[in-house]
Amino acid sequence: MPESGHTWRKPFKGEAIEARHVRLWTAGRVKHPDAPLLAHELYVAVLQSGAPVIEMGIWTAGNRIRITADGPDPLPLLSSHGPGWQIISALADLTGVATDGCGLWAQLGVKR
């Protein structure tokens, strides 16, 4: 039997005040207690690159939740190795950088 899930995507302005909206948007879609903070940290990491718009995404399948944050330009190294990345890595089961280098993702619900 195939796993069913949901997908949500939403663009947010590249402004610090939007981080609160990212947390609320995430909490309204998935019930994992770490998901809003994880989405916040992903958003802030991409925001630091100066992105004018950040596309947030949430995908669910079975017990897995994947959260992504994508900007229009390649991210600086600090986005994937700075203090925020340490928080992301501690909360998530899996993490990574988008293949185009313009975004970050984190997954909950799968053991490393």
Protein backbone atom coordinates (compact mmCIF):
# COMPACT_ATOMS: atom_id res chain seq x y z
CA MET A 1 0.00 0.00 0.00
CA PRO A 2 1.51 3.38 -0.97
CA GLU A 3 2.00 6.03 1.67
CA SER A 4 -0.27 9.01 1.38
CA GLY A 5 0.68 12.51 2.38
CA HIS A 6 0.19 16.20 1.83
CA THR A 7 2.16 19.01 0.25
CA TRP A 8 2.06 22.71 1.06
CA ARG A 9 4.15 25.51 -0.46
CA LYS A 10 4.04 29.20 0.29
CA PRO A 11 6.25 32.18 -0.53
CA PHE A 12 7.15 34.52 2.33
CA LYS A 13 8.70 37.97 2.04
CA GLY A 14 12.38 38.05 2.89
CA GLU A 15 11.82 40.05 6.08
CA ALA A 16 12.58 39.09 9.68
CA ILE A 17 8.98 39.72 10.79
CA GLU A 18 7.86 36.89 8.50
CA ALA A 19 9.64 34.27 10.65
CA ARG A 20 6.70 34.39 13.07
CA HIS A 21 4.29 33.73 10.19
CA VAL A 22 6.43 30.80 9.04
CA ARG A 23 6.16 29.21 12.50
CA LEU A 24 2.38 29.72 12.63
CA TRP A 25 1.92 28.43 9.07
CA THR A 26 3.93 25.32 9.89
CA ALA A 27 2.14 24.66 13.20
CA GLY A 28 -1.19 24.87 11.37
CA ARG A 29 -0.22 22.08 8.99
CA VAL A 30 1.79 19.53 10.99
CA LYS A 31 1.58 18.58 14.64
CA HIS A 32 5.21 17.63 15.34
CA PRO A 33 6.39 19.81 18.26
CA ASP A 34 9.75 20.58 16.61
CA ALA A 35 8.38 21.45 13.16
CA PRO A 36 7.68 25.18 13.77
CA LEU A 37 11.14 25.82 15.23
CA LEU A 38 12.76 23.82 12.46
CA ALA A 39 10.88 25.81 9.80
CA HIS A 40 11.88 29.03 11.56
CA GLU A 41 15.58 28.12 11.54
CA LEU A 42 15.47 27.08 7.88
CA TYR A 43 13.75 30.36 6.98
CA VAL A 44 16.27 32.46 8.93
CA ALA A 45 19.21 30.62 7.38
CA VAL A 46 17.96 31.47 3.87
CA LEU A 47 16.94 34.99 4.97
CA GLN A 48 20.57 35.69 5.92
CA SER A 49 21.50 35.35 2.26
CA GLY A 50 19.46 38.48 1.48
CA ALA A 51 16.72 36.63 -0.40
CA PRO A 52 13.77 38.94 -1.19
CA VAL A 53 11.36 35.97 -1.19
CA ILE A 54 11.70 32.60 0.51
CA GLU A 55 9.61 29.68 -0.68
CA MET A 56 8.70 27.40 2.22
CA GLY A 57 7.52 23.86 1.65
CA ILE A 58 6.14 21.06 3.81
CA TRP A 59 5.74 17.49 2.60
CA THR A 60 4.32 14.62 4.62
CA ALA A 61 4.34 10.89 3.88
CA GLY A 62 3.61 8.29 6.51
CA ASN A 63 5.34 9.49 9.67
CA ARG A 64 7.84 11.67 7.74
CA ILE A 65 7.76 15.46 7.52
CA ARG A 66 10.13 17.32 5.22
CA ILE A 67 10.43 21.09 5.49
CA THR A 68 12.26 23.17 2.91
CA ALA A 69 13.29 26.82 2.53
CA ASP A 70 14.38 28.01 -0.91
CA GLY A 71 15.73 31.34 -2.09
CA PRO A 72 16.56 32.57 -5.59
CA ASP A 73 20.35 32.61 -5.22
CA PRO A 74 23.05 30.21 -3.99
CA LEU A 75 23.42 30.32 -0.22
CA PRO A 76 26.62 31.41 1.52
CA LEU A 77 28.54 28.73 3.38
CA LEU A 78 27.39 30.17 6.73
CA SER A 79 23.80 29.13 5.94
CA SER A 80 24.74 25.46 6.04
CA HIS A 81 27.48 25.60 8.66
CA GLY A 82 26.54 28.42 11.06
CA PRO A 83 24.85 28.39 14.48
CA GLY A 84 21.36 28.03 12.97
CA TRP A 85 22.50 24.94 11.09
CA GLN A 86 23.55 23.37 14.39
CA ILE A 87 20.01 23.84 15.69
CA ILE A 88 18.54 22.41 12.49
CA SER A 89 20.85 19.39 12.65
CA ALA A 90 20.01 18.77 16.30
CA LEU A 91 16.23 18.86 15.71
CA ALA A 92 16.00 16.96 12.43
CA ASP A 93 16.62 13.32 11.61
CA LEU A 94 18.05 14.19 8.17
CA THR A 95 19.23 17.51 6.71
CA GLY A 96 20.71 18.82 3.50
CA VAL A 97 21.27 21.56 0.98
CA ALA A 98 19.15 21.72 -2.17
CA THR A 99 20.89 20.42 -5.28
CA ASP A 100 20.96 23.92 -6.78
CA GLY A 101 22.54 25.32 -3.60
CA CYS A 102 19.72 27.85 -3.16
CA GLY A 103 17.85 26.14 -0.33
CA LEU A 104 17.95 23.94 2.73
CA TRP A 105 15.80 21.05 3.86
CA ALA A 106 15.25 19.03 7.01
CA GLN A 107 13.28 15.88 7.69
CA LEU A 108 11.57 14.63 10.84
CA GLY A 109 10.31 11.14 11.52
CA VAL A 110 13.19 9.04 10.20
CA LYS A 111 15.99 7.82 12.41
CA ARG A 112 19.52 8.52 11.20
